[in-house]
Amino acid sequence: MTLLITILAAVVTTLIWYSSEKARELRISTLVFMFWGASLMWFVDAVVEFIEIRAEYFTPAAEDMLNDAFLGVSVIALALVIWVVTLLIKDPKKVIAKKLKNKTE
């Protein structure tokens, strides 16, 4: 479930990045790399888990699916927080710099 959630987030952000010049200005590529990296990590985890326990991987309990869904949503939320902090620090459109400049005048 975590793998599916992060792949979905990676595909959506990649489509947004590809189709929107404004998104590229807002450094959405940071999100794209984080989501694809997380997807790769969960894919490797799934392969290793499948090698270890075989068929049980494809028949998870409902509780395990719910836990994985919460983990996937948490990963997306953390990536969004990191992206927003990066956006505030880099300030690509100089919005914060303009506000601070107006306050000092």
PDB file of N, CA and C in Angstrom:
ATOM      1  N   MET A   1       0.826  -1.191   0.000  1.00  0.00           N
ATOM      2  CA  MET A   1       0.000   0.000   0.000  1.00  0.00           C
ATOM      3  C   MET A   1       0.875   1.263   0.000  1.00  0.00           C
ATOM      4  N   THR A   2       1.934   1.213   0.785  1.00  0.00           N
ATOM      5  CA  THR A   2       2.855   2.351   0.827  1.00  0.00           C
ATOM      6  C   THR A   2       3.473   2.578  -0.544  1.00  0.00           C
ATOM      7  N   LEU A   3       3.852   1.495  -1.197  1.00  0.00           N
ATOM      8  CA  LEU A   3       4.432   1.600  -2.537  1.00  0.00           C
ATOM      9  C   LEU A   3       3.441   2.231  -3.509  1.00  0.00           C
ATOM     10  N   LEU A   4       2.204   1.794  -3.479  1.00  0.00           N
ATOM     11  CA  LEU A   4       1.200   2.353  -4.395  1.00  0.00           C
ATOM     12  C   LEU A   4       0.959   3.839  -4.138  1.00  0.00           C
ATOM     13  N   ILE A   5       0.904   4.222  -2.881  1.00  0.00           N
ATOM     14  CA  ILE A   5       0.653   5.627  -2.539  1.00  0.00           C
ATOM     15  C   ILE A   5       1.806   6.504  -3.003  1.00  0.00           C
ATOM     16  N   THR A   6       3.044   6.059  -2.771  1.00  0.00           N
ATOM     17  CA  THR A   6       4.174   6.896  -3.176  1.00  0.00           C
ATOM     18  C   THR A   6       4.348   6.922  -4.698  1.00  0.00           C
ATOM     19  N   ILE A   7       4.048   5.812  -5.370  1.00  0.00           N
ATOM     20  CA  ILE A   7       4.104   5.836  -6.842  1.00  0.00           C
ATOM     21  C   ILE A   7       3.045   6.778  -7.400  1.00  0.00           C
ATOM     22  N   LEU A   8       1.856   6.754  -6.832  1.00  0.00           N
ATOM     23  CA  LEU A   8       0.807   7.671  -7.271  1.00  0.00           C
ATOM     24  C   LEU A   8       1.242   9.123  -7.071  1.00  0.00           C
ATOM     25  N   ALA A   9       1.817   9.427  -5.909  1.00  0.00           N
ATOM     26  CA  ALA A   9       2.303  10.787  -5.649  1.00  0.00           C
ATOM     27  C   ALA A   9       3.418  11.152  -6.625  1.00  0.00           C
ATOM     28  N   ALA A  10       4.310  10.210  -6.912  1.00  0.00           N
ATOM     29  CA  ALA A  10       5.412  10.472  -7.837  1.00  0.00           C
ATOM     30  C   ALA A  10       4.901  10.752  -9.248  1.00  0.00           C
ATOM     31  N   VAL A  11       3.939   9.969  -9.699  1.00  0.00           N
ATOM     32  CA  VAL A  11       3.390  10.168 -11.042  1.00  0.00           C
ATOM     33  C   VAL A  11       2.661  11.509 -11.137  1.00  0.00           C
ATOM     34  N   VAL A  12       1.858  11.826 -10.135  1.00  0.00           N
ATOM     35  CA  VAL A  12       1.108  13.088 -10.155  1.00  0.00           C
ATOM     36  C   VAL A  12       2.058  14.284 -10.152  1.00  0.00           C
ATOM     37  N   THR A  13       3.063  14.270  -9.275  1.00  0.00           N
ATOM     38  CA  THR A  13       3.993  15.405  -9.234  1.00  0.00           C
ATOM     39  C   THR A  13       4.832  15.485 -10.511  1.00  0.00           C
ATOM     40  N   THR A  14       5.170  14.341 -11.094  1.00  0.00           N
ATOM     41  CA  THR A  14       5.917  14.356 -12.347  1.00  0.00           C
ATOM     42  C   THR A  14       5.084  14.974 -13.462  1.00  0.00           C
ATOM     43  N   LEU A  15       3.808  14.622 -13.535  1.00  0.00           N
ATOM     44  CA  LEU A  15       2.931  15.215 -14.547  1.00  0.00           C
ATOM     45  C   LEU A  15       2.778  16.720 -14.340  1.00  0.00           C
ATOM     46  N   ILE A  16       2.652  17.136 -13.091  1.00  0.00           N
ATOM     47  CA  ILE A  16       2.545  18.574 -12.803  1.00  0.00           C
ATOM     48  C   ILE A  16       3.836  19.278 -13.200  1.00  0.00           C
ATOM     49  N   TRP A  17       4.972  18.694 -12.830  1.00  0.00           N
ATOM     50  CA  TRP A  17       6.269  19.287 -13.164  1.00  0.00           C
ATOM     51  C   TRP A  17       6.445  19.399 -14.685  1.00  0.00           C
ATOM     52  N   TYR A  18       6.053  18.356 -15.391  1.00  0.00           N
ATOM     53  CA  TYR A  18       6.239  18.324 -16.840  1.00  0.00           C
ATOM     54  C   TYR A  18       5.335  19.313 -17.565  1.00  0.00           C
ATOM     55  N   SER A  19       4.127  19.492 -17.069  1.00  0.00           N
ATOM     56  CA  SER A  19       3.145  20.284 -17.804  1.00  0.00           C
ATOM     57  C   SER A  19       3.090  21.753 -17.405  1.00  0.00           C
ATOM     58  N   SER A  20       3.748  22.127 -16.326  1.00  0.00           N
ATOM     59  CA  SER A  20       3.590  23.496 -15.838  1.00  0.00           C
ATOM     60  C   SER A  20       4.942  24.179 -15.616  1.00  0.00           C
ATOM     61  N   GLU A  21       5.139  25.272 -16.331  1.00  0.00           N
ATOM     62  CA  GLU A  21       6.351  26.079 -16.142  1.00  0.00           C
ATOM     63  C   GLU A  21       6.358  26.703 -14.752  1.00  0.00           C
ATOM     64  N   LYS A  22       5.185  27.104 -14.276  1.00  0.00           N
ATOM     65  CA  LYS A  22       5.085  27.700 -12.940  1.00  0.00           C
ATOM     66  C   LYS A  22       5.505  26.701 -11.865  1.00  0.00           C
ATOM     67  N   ALA A  23       5.149  25.440 -12.043  1.00  0.00           N
ATOM     68  CA  ALA A  23       5.541  24.403 -11.083  1.00  0.00           C
ATOM     69  C   ALA A  23       7.053  24.241 -11.061  1.00  0.00           C
ATOM     70  N   ARG A  24       7.686  24.336 -12.216  1.00  0.00           N
ATOM     71  CA  ARG A  24       9.149  24.229 -12.254  1.00  0.00           C
ATOM     72  C   ARG A  24       9.790  25.403 -11.532  1.00  0.00           C
ATOM     73  N   GLU A  25       9.186  26.574 -11.638  1.00  0.00           N
ATOM     74  CA  GLU A  25       9.700  27.740 -10.914  1.00  0.00           C
ATOM     75  C   GLU A  25       9.583  27.552  -9.413  1.00  0.00           C
ATOM     76  N   LEU A  26       8.557  26.839  -8.977  1.00  0.00           N
ATOM     77  CA  LEU A  26       8.338  26.619  -7.545  1.00  0.00           C
ATOM     78  C   LEU A  26       9.063  25.376  -7.038  1.00  0.00           C
ATOM     79  N   ARG A  27      10.033  24.898  -7.786  1.00  0.00           N
ATOM     80  CA  ARG A  27      10.924  23.816  -7.379  1.00  0.00           C
ATOM     81  C   ARG A  27      10.180  22.531  -7.030  1.00  0.00           C
ATOM     82  N   ILE A  28       9.144  22.219  -7.800  1.00  0.00           N
ATOM     83  CA  ILE A  28       8.412  20.980  -7.556  1.00  0.00           C
ATOM     84  C   ILE A  28       9.264  19.760  -7.892  1.00  0.00           C
ATOM     85  N   SER A  29      10.376  19.981  -8.580  1.00  0.00           N
ATOM     86  CA  SER A  29      11.284  18.870  -8.867  1.00  0.00           C
ATOM     87  C   SER A  29      11.818  18.249  -7.578  1.00  0.00           C
ATOM     88  N   THR A  30      11.900  19.035  -6.519  1.00  0.00           N
ATOM     89  CA  THR A  30      12.303  18.494  -5.215  1.00  0.00           C
ATOM     90  C   THR A  30      11.321  17.414  -4.774  1.00  0.00           C
ATOM     91  N   LEU A  31      10.038  17.697  -4.922  1.00  0.00           N
ATOM     92  CA  LEU A  31       9.017  16.697  -4.589  1.00  0.00           C
ATOM     93  C   LEU A  31       9.110  15.485  -5.494  1.00  0.00           C
ATOM     94  N   VAL A  32       9.329  15.717  -6.771  1.00  0.00           N
ATOM     95  CA  VAL A  32       9.424  14.616  -7.728  1.00  0.00           C
ATOM     96  C   VAL A  32      10.539  13.665  -7.311  1.00  0.00           C
ATOM     97  N   PHE A  33      11.711  14.209  -6.999  1.00  0.00           N
ATOM     98  CA  PHE A  33      12.831  13.361  -6.594  1.00  0.00           C
ATOM     99  C   PHE A  33      12.547  12.638  -5.278  1.00  0.00           C
ATOM    100  N   MET A  34      11.925  13.312  -4.333  1.00  0.00           N
ATOM    101  CA  MET A  34      11.614  12.659  -3.053  1.00  0.00           C
ATOM    102  C   MET A  34      10.619  11.521  -3.244  1.00  0.00           C
ATOM    103  N   PHE A  35       9.581  11.745  -4.037  1.00  0.00           N
ATOM    104  CA  PHE A  35       8.567  10.707  -4.232  1.00  0.00           C
ATOM    105  C   PHE A  35       9.111   9.528  -5.030  1.00  0.00           C
ATOM    106  N   TRP A  36       9.892   9.796  -6.079  1.00  0.00           N
ATOM    107  CA  TRP A  36      10.461   8.683  -6.838  1.00  0.00           C
ATOM    108  C   TRP A  36      11.492   7.935  -6.003  1.00  0.00           C
ATOM    109  N   GLY A  37      12.240   8.639  -5.183  1.00  0.00           N
ATOM    110  CA  GLY A  37      13.189   7.975  -4.287  1.00  0.00           C
ATOM    111  C   GLY A  37      12.478   7.094  -3.274  1.00  0.00           C
ATOM    112  N   ALA A  38      11.384   7.597  -2.711  1.00  0.00           N
ATOM    113  CA  ALA A  38      10.602   6.798  -1.766  1.00  0.00           C
ATOM    114  C   ALA A  38       9.985   5.597  -2.470  1.00  0.00           C
ATOM    115  N   SER A  39       9.521   5.790  -3.696  1.00  0.00           N
ATOM    116  CA  SER A  39       8.943   4.676  -4.452  1.00  0.00           C
ATOM    117  C   SER A  39       9.987   3.596  -4.707  1.00  0.00           C
ATOM    118  N   LEU A  40      11.178   4.005  -5.071  1.00  0.00           N
ATOM    119  CA  LEU A  40      12.252   3.042  -5.285  1.00  0.00           C
ATOM    120  C   LEU A  40      12.575   2.291  -3.991  1.00  0.00           C
ATOM    121  N   MET A  41      12.625   3.012  -2.885  1.00  0.00           N
ATOM    122  CA  MET A  41      12.893   2.391  -1.596  1.00  0.00           C
ATOM    123  C   MET A  41      11.825   1.358  -1.247  1.00  0.00           C
ATOM    124  N   TRP A  42      10.543   1.718  -1.415  1.00  0.00           N
ATOM    125  CA  TRP A  42       9.464   0.785  -1.088  1.00  0.00           C
ATOM    126  C   TRP A  42       9.444  -0.392  -2.057  1.00  0.00           C
ATOM    127  N   PHE A  43       9.841  -0.165  -3.317  1.00  0.00           N
ATOM    128  CA  PHE A  43       9.898  -1.263  -4.277  1.00  0.00           C
ATOM    129  C   PHE A  43      10.956  -2.288  -3.865  1.00  0.00           C
ATOM    130  N   VAL A  44      12.130  -1.801  -3.487  1.00  0.00           N
ATOM    131  CA  VAL A  44      13.185  -2.705  -3.021  1.00  0.00           C
ATOM    132  C   VAL A  44      12.711  -3.444  -1.772  1.00  0.00           C
ATOM    133  N   ASP A  45      12.049  -2.751  -0.864  1.00  0.00           N
ATOM    134  CA  ASP A  45      11.508  -3.386   0.332  1.00  0.00           C
ATOM    135  C   ASP A  45      10.503  -4.482  -0.036  1.00  0.00           C
ATOM    136  N   ALA A  46       9.653  -4.204  -1.015  1.00  0.00           N
ATOM    137  CA  ALA A  46       8.653  -5.198  -1.436  1.00  0.00           C
ATOM    138  C   ALA A  46       9.318  -6.421  -2.050  1.00  0.00           C
ATOM    139  N   VAL A  47      10.350  -6.222  -2.868  1.00  0.00           N
ATOM    140  CA  VAL A  47      11.045  -7.344  -3.485  1.00  0.00           C
ATOM    141  C   VAL A  47      11.720  -8.205  -2.419  1.00  0.00           C
ATOM    142  N   VAL A  48      12.398  -7.568  -1.480  1.00  0.00           N
ATOM    143  CA  VAL A  48      13.069  -8.315  -0.416  1.00  0.00           C
ATOM    144  C   VAL A  48      12.046  -9.055   0.446  1.00  0.00           C
ATOM    145  N   GLU A  49      10.950  -8.397   0.773  1.00  0.00           N
ATOM    146  CA  GLU A  49       9.915  -9.047   1.568  1.00  0.00           C
ATOM    147  C   GLU A  49       9.296 -10.223   0.808  1.00  0.00           C
ATOM    148  N   PHE A  50       9.080 -10.067  -0.485  1.00  0.00           N
ATOM    149  CA  PHE A  50       8.541 -11.168  -1.277  1.00  0.00           C
ATOM    150  C   PHE A  50       9.507 -12.347  -1.313  1.00  0.00           C
ATOM    151  N   ILE A  51      10.785 -12.072  -1.444  1.00  0.00           N
ATOM    152  CA  ILE A  51      11.789 -13.142  -1.453  1.00  0.00           C
ATOM    153  C   ILE A  51      11.780 -13.892  -0.123  1.00  0.00           C
ATOM    154  N   GLU A  52      11.577 -13.154   0.966  1.00  0.00           N
ATOM    155  CA  GLU A  52      11.607 -13.779   2.289  1.00  0.00           C
ATOM    156  C   GLU A  52      10.345 -14.570   2.611  1.00  0.00           C
ATOM    157  N   ILE A  53       9.143 -14.022   2.307  1.00  0.00           N
ATOM    158  CA  ILE A  53       7.909 -14.694   2.757  1.00  0.00           C
ATOM    159  C   ILE A  53       6.999 -15.145   1.625  1.00  0.00           C
ATOM    160  N   ARG A  54       7.408 -14.971   0.396  1.00  0.00           N
ATOM    161  CA  ARG A  54       6.676 -15.434  -0.793  1.00  0.00           C
ATOM    162  C   ARG A  54       5.238 -14.938  -0.879  1.00  0.00           C
ATOM    163  N   ALA A  55       4.287 -15.835  -0.917  1.00  0.00           N
ATOM    164  CA  ALA A  55       2.893 -15.523  -1.243  1.00  0.00           C
ATOM    165  C   ALA A  55       2.208 -14.665  -0.190  1.00  0.00           C
ATOM    166  N   GLU A  56       2.692 -14.677   1.037  1.00  0.00           N
ATOM    167  CA  GLU A  56       2.042 -13.884   2.089  1.00  0.00           C
ATOM    168  C   GLU A  56       2.087 -12.385   1.785  1.00  0.00           C
ATOM    169  N   TYR A  57       3.020 -11.988   0.952  1.00  0.00           N
ATOM    170  CA  TYR A  57       3.119 -10.574   0.606  1.00  0.00           C
ATOM    171  C   TYR A  57       1.877 -10.105  -0.165  1.00  0.00           C
ATOM    172  N   PHE A  58       1.294 -10.987  -0.953  1.00  0.00           N
ATOM    173  CA  PHE A  58       0.150 -10.615  -1.771  1.00  0.00           C
ATOM    174  C   PHE A  58      -1.188 -10.798  -1.062  1.00  0.00           C
ATOM    175  N   THR A  59      -1.171 -11.294   0.153  1.00  0.00           N
ATOM    176  CA  THR A  59      -2.406 -11.449   0.935  1.00  0.00           C
ATOM    177  C   THR A  59      -2.230 -10.816   2.317  1.00  0.00           C
ATOM    178  N   PRO A  60      -2.040  -9.503   2.371  1.00  0.00           N
ATOM    179  CA  PRO A  60      -1.822  -8.868   3.669  1.00  0.00           C
ATOM    180  C   PRO A  60      -3.115  -8.785   4.478  1.00  0.00           C
ATOM    181  N   ALA A  61      -2.958  -8.722   5.763  1.00  0.00           N
ATOM    182  CA  ALA A  61      -4.109  -8.540   6.647  1.00  0.00           C
ATOM    183  C   ALA A  61      -4.593  -7.099   6.532  1.00  0.00           C
ATOM    184  N   ALA A  62      -5.849  -6.894   6.872  1.00  0.00           N
ATOM    185  CA  ALA A  62      -6.430  -5.543   6.790  1.00  0.00           C
ATOM    186  C   ALA A  62      -5.679  -4.569   7.687  1.00  0.00           C
ATOM    187  N   GLU A  63      -5.265  -5.024   8.840  1.00  0.00           N
ATOM    188  CA  GLU A  63      -4.525  -4.166   9.768  1.00  0.00           C
ATOM    189  C   GLU A  63      -3.179  -3.739   9.165  1.00  0.00           C
ATOM    190  N   ASP A  64      -2.507  -4.665   8.473  1.00  0.00           N
ATOM    191  CA  ASP A  64      -1.239  -4.330   7.823  1.00  0.00           C
ATOM    192  C   ASP A  64      -1.443  -3.322   6.699  1.00  0.00           C
ATOM    193  N   MET A  65      -2.523  -3.484   5.952  1.00  0.00           N
ATOM    194  CA  MET A  65      -2.815  -2.534   4.874  1.00  0.00           C
ATOM    195  C   MET A  65      -3.099  -1.144   5.423  1.00  0.00           C
ATOM    196  N   LEU A  66      -3.824  -1.083   6.528  1.00  0.00           N
ATOM    197  CA  LEU A  66      -4.129   0.204   7.152  1.00  0.00           C
ATOM    198  C   LEU A  66      -2.852   0.861   7.660  1.00  0.00           C
ATOM    199  N   ASN A  67      -1.985   0.091   8.304  1.00  0.00           N
ATOM    200  CA  ASN A  67      -0.706   0.622   8.777  1.00  0.00           C
ATOM    201  C   ASN A  67       0.140   1.128   7.620  1.00  0.00           C
ATOM    202  N   ASP A  68       0.175   0.368   6.530  1.00  0.00           N
ATOM    203  CA  ASP A  68       0.926   0.798   5.355  1.00  0.00           C
ATOM    204  C   ASP A  68       0.346   2.062   4.737  1.00  0.00           C
ATOM    205  N   ALA A  69      -0.965   2.176   4.738  1.00  0.00           N
ATOM    206  CA  ALA A  69      -1.604   3.385   4.202  1.00  0.00           C
ATOM    207  C   ALA A  69      -1.246   4.602   5.052  1.00  0.00           C
ATOM    208  N   PHE A  70      -1.281   4.440   6.370  1.00  0.00           N
ATOM    209  CA  PHE A  70      -0.883   5.548   7.250  1.00  0.00           C
ATOM    210  C   PHE A  70       0.574   5.924   7.030  1.00  0.00           C
ATOM    211  N   LEU A  71       1.425   4.930   6.836  1.00  0.00           N
ATOM    212  CA  LEU A  71       2.834   5.201   6.577  1.00  0.00           C
ATOM    213  C   LEU A  71       3.006   5.940   5.248  1.00  0.00           C
ATOM    214  N   GLY A  72       2.281   5.521   4.224  1.00  0.00           N
ATOM    215  CA  GLY A  72       2.360   6.193   2.927  1.00  0.00           C
ATOM    216  C   GLY A  72       1.910   7.641   2.998  1.00  0.00           C
ATOM    217  N   VAL A  73       0.822   7.885   3.694  1.00  0.00           N
ATOM    218  CA  VAL A  73       0.328   9.257   3.862  1.00  0.00           C
ATOM    219  C   VAL A  73       1.320  10.077   4.682  1.00  0.00           C
ATOM    220  N   SER A  74       1.925   9.465   5.683  1.00  0.00           N
ATOM    221  CA  SER A  74       2.928  10.166   6.501  1.00  0.00           C
ATOM    222  C   SER A  74       4.153  10.536   5.679  1.00  0.00           C
ATOM    223  N   VAL A  75       4.577   9.647   4.799  1.00  0.00           N
ATOM    224  CA  VAL A  75       5.726   9.929   3.936  1.00  0.00           C
ATOM    225  C   VAL A  75       5.416  11.105   3.016  1.00  0.00           C
ATOM    226  N   ILE A  76       4.215  11.130   2.473  1.00  0.00           N
ATOM    227  CA  ILE A  76       3.822  12.234   1.590  1.00  0.00           C
ATOM    228  C   ILE A  76       3.745  13.542   2.373  1.00  0.00           C
ATOM    229  N   ALA A  77       3.185  13.491   3.570  1.00  0.00           N
ATOM    230  CA  ALA A  77       3.088  14.702   4.397  1.00  0.00           C
ATOM    231  C   ALA A  77       4.476  15.227   4.754  1.00  0.00           C
ATOM    232  N   LEU A  78       5.390  14.333   5.120  1.00  0.00           N
ATOM    233  CA  LEU A  78       6.748  14.765   5.455  1.00  0.00           C
ATOM    234  C   LEU A  78       7.446  15.365   4.240  1.00  0.00           C
ATOM    235  N   ALA A  79       7.279  14.761   3.076  1.00  0.00           N
ATOM    236  CA  ALA A  79       7.881  15.304   1.858  1.00  0.00           C
ATOM    237  C   ALA A  79       7.323  16.688   1.545  1.00  0.00           C
ATOM    238  N   LEU A  80       6.020  16.879   1.742  1.00  0.00           N
ATOM    239  CA  LEU A  80       5.426  18.198   1.502  1.00  0.00           C
ATOM    240  C   LEU A  80       5.962  19.235   2.469  1.00  0.00           C
ATOM    241  N   VAL A  81       6.156  18.853   3.727  1.00  0.00           N
ATOM    242  CA  VAL A  81       6.723  19.775   4.720  1.00  0.00           C
ATOM    243  C   VAL A  81       8.143  20.159   4.318  1.00  0.00           C
ATOM    244  N   ILE A  82       8.941  19.180   3.924  1.00  0.00           N
ATOM    245  CA  ILE A  82      10.314  19.459   3.495  1.00  0.00           C
ATOM    246  C   ILE A  82      10.317  20.374   2.276  1.00  0.00           C
ATOM    247  N   TRP A  83       9.400  20.132   1.340  1.00  0.00           N
ATOM    248  CA  TRP A  83       9.318  20.971   0.145  1.00  0.00           C
ATOM    249  C   TRP A  83       8.943  22.406   0.500  1.00  0.00           C
ATOM    250  N   VAL A  84       7.984  22.588   1.397  1.00  0.00           N
ATOM    251  CA  VAL A  84       7.567  23.936   1.790  1.00  0.00           C
ATOM    252  C   VAL A  84       8.721  24.662   2.492  1.00  0.00           C
ATOM    253  N   VAL A  85       9.428  23.970   3.376  1.00  0.00           N
ATOM    254  CA  VAL A  85      10.568  24.598   4.056  1.00  0.00           C
ATOM    255  C   VAL A  85      11.637  24.984   3.037  1.00  0.00           C
ATOM    256  N   THR A  86      11.912  24.096   2.089  1.00  0.00           N
ATOM    257  CA  THR A  86      12.871  24.403   1.033  1.00  0.00           C
ATOM    258  C   THR A  86      12.413  25.593   0.208  1.00  0.00           C
ATOM    259  N   LEU A  87      11.129  25.642  -0.084  1.00  0.00           N
ATOM    260  CA  LEU A  87      10.565  26.751  -0.848  1.00  0.00           C
ATOM    261  C   LEU A  87      10.712  28.066  -0.084  1.00  0.00           C
ATOM    262  N   LEU A  88      10.469  28.029   1.212  1.00  0.00           N
ATOM    263  CA  LEU A  88      10.605  29.235   2.024  1.00  0.00           C
ATOM    264  C   LEU A  88      12.065  29.686   2.123  1.00  0.00           C
ATOM    265  N   ILE A  89      12.971  28.735   2.212  1.00  0.00           N
ATOM    266  CA  ILE A  89      14.386  29.086   2.316  1.00  0.00           C
ATOM    267  C   ILE A  89      14.916  29.624   0.993  1.00  0.00           C
ATOM    268  N   LYS A  90      14.624  28.946  -0.104  1.00  0.00           N
ATOM    269  CA  LYS A  90      15.129  29.359  -1.422  1.00  0.00           C
ATOM    270  C   LYS A  90      14.408  30.594  -1.957  1.00  0.00           C
ATOM    271  N   ASP A  91      13.120  30.733  -1.629  1.00  0.00           N
ATOM    272  CA  ASP A  91      12.309  31.877  -2.028  1.00  0.00           C
ATOM    273  C   ASP A  91      12.483  32.224  -3.513  1.00  0.00           C
ATOM    274  N   PRO A  92      12.087  31.300  -4.415  1.00  0.00           N
ATOM    275  CA  PRO A  92      12.363  31.503  -5.847  1.00  0.00           C
ATOM    276  C   PRO A  92      11.677  32.719  -6.460  1.00  0.00           C
ATOM    277  N   LYS A  93      10.547  33.125  -5.941  1.00  0.00           N
ATOM    278  CA  LYS A  93       9.855  34.294  -6.492  1.00  0.00           C
ATOM    279  C   LYS A  93      10.126  35.554  -5.671  1.00  0.00           C
ATOM    280  N   LYS A  94      11.010  35.441  -4.705  1.00  0.00           N
ATOM    281  CA  LYS A  94      11.439  36.575  -3.851  1.00  0.00           C
ATOM    282  C   LYS A  94      10.259  37.215  -3.107  1.00  0.00           C
ATOM    283  N   VAL A  95       9.264  36.431  -2.765  1.00  0.00           N
ATOM    284  CA  VAL A  95       8.088  36.936  -2.054  1.00  0.00           C
ATOM    285  C   VAL A  95       8.465  37.345  -0.638  1.00  0.00           C
ATOM    286  N   ILE A  96       9.190  36.484   0.053  1.00  0.00           N
ATOM    287  CA  ILE A  96       9.572  36.778   1.439  1.00  0.00           C
ATOM    288  C   ILE A  96      10.539  37.949   1.482  1.00  0.00           C
ATOM    289  N   ALA A  97      11.470  38.010   0.545  1.00  0.00           N
ATOM    290  CA  ALA A  97      12.426  39.117   0.498  1.00  0.00           C
ATOM    291  C   ALA A  97      11.702  40.449   0.301  1.00  0.00           C
ATOM    292  N   LYS A  98      10.691  40.467  -0.558  1.00  0.00           N
ATOM    293  CA  LYS A  98       9.927  41.697  -0.787  1.00  0.00           C
ATOM    294  C   LYS A  98       9.170  42.106   0.466  1.00  0.00           C
ATOM    295  N   LYS A  99       8.566  41.121   1.144  1.00  0.00           N
ATOM    296  CA  LYS A  99       7.818  41.442   2.385  1.00  0.00           C
ATOM    297  C   LYS A  99       8.745  41.985   3.445  1.00  0.00           C
ATOM    298  N   LEU A 100       9.906  41.386   3.599  1.00  0.00           N
ATOM    299  CA  LEU A 100      10.861  41.862   4.595  1.00  0.00           C
ATOM    300  C   LEU A 100      11.390  43.248   4.229  1.00  0.00           C
ATOM    301  N   LYS A 101      11.593  43.490   2.949  1.00  0.00           N
ATOM    302  CA  LYS A 101      12.063  44.792   2.497  1.00  0.00           C
ATOM    303  C   LYS A 101      11.019  45.869   2.765  1.00  0.00           C
ATOM    304  N   ASN A 102       9.739  45.550   2.527  1.00  0.00           N
ATOM    305  CA  ASN A 102       8.653  46.497   2.781  1.00  0.00           C
ATOM    306  C   ASN A 102       8.521  46.802   4.266  1.00  0.00           C
ATOM    307  N   LYS A 103       8.771  45.827   5.119  1.00  0.00           N
ATOM    308  CA  LYS A 103       8.673  46.035   6.571  1.00  0.00           C
ATOM    309  C   LYS A 103       9.777  46.944   7.077  1.00  0.00           C
ATOM    310  N   THR A 104      10.965  46.859   6.482  1.00  0.00           N
ATOM    311  CA  THR A 104      12.085  47.677   6.941  1.00  0.00           C
ATOM    312  C   THR A 104      11.983  49.119   6.448  1.00  0.00           C
ATOM    313  N   GLU A 105      11.185  49.364   5.439  1.00  0.00           N
ATOM    314  CA  GLU A 105      11.056  50.736   4.904  1.00  0.00           C
ATOM    315  C   GLU A 105      10.037  51.545   5.663  1.00  0.00           C
TER     316      GLU A 105
END
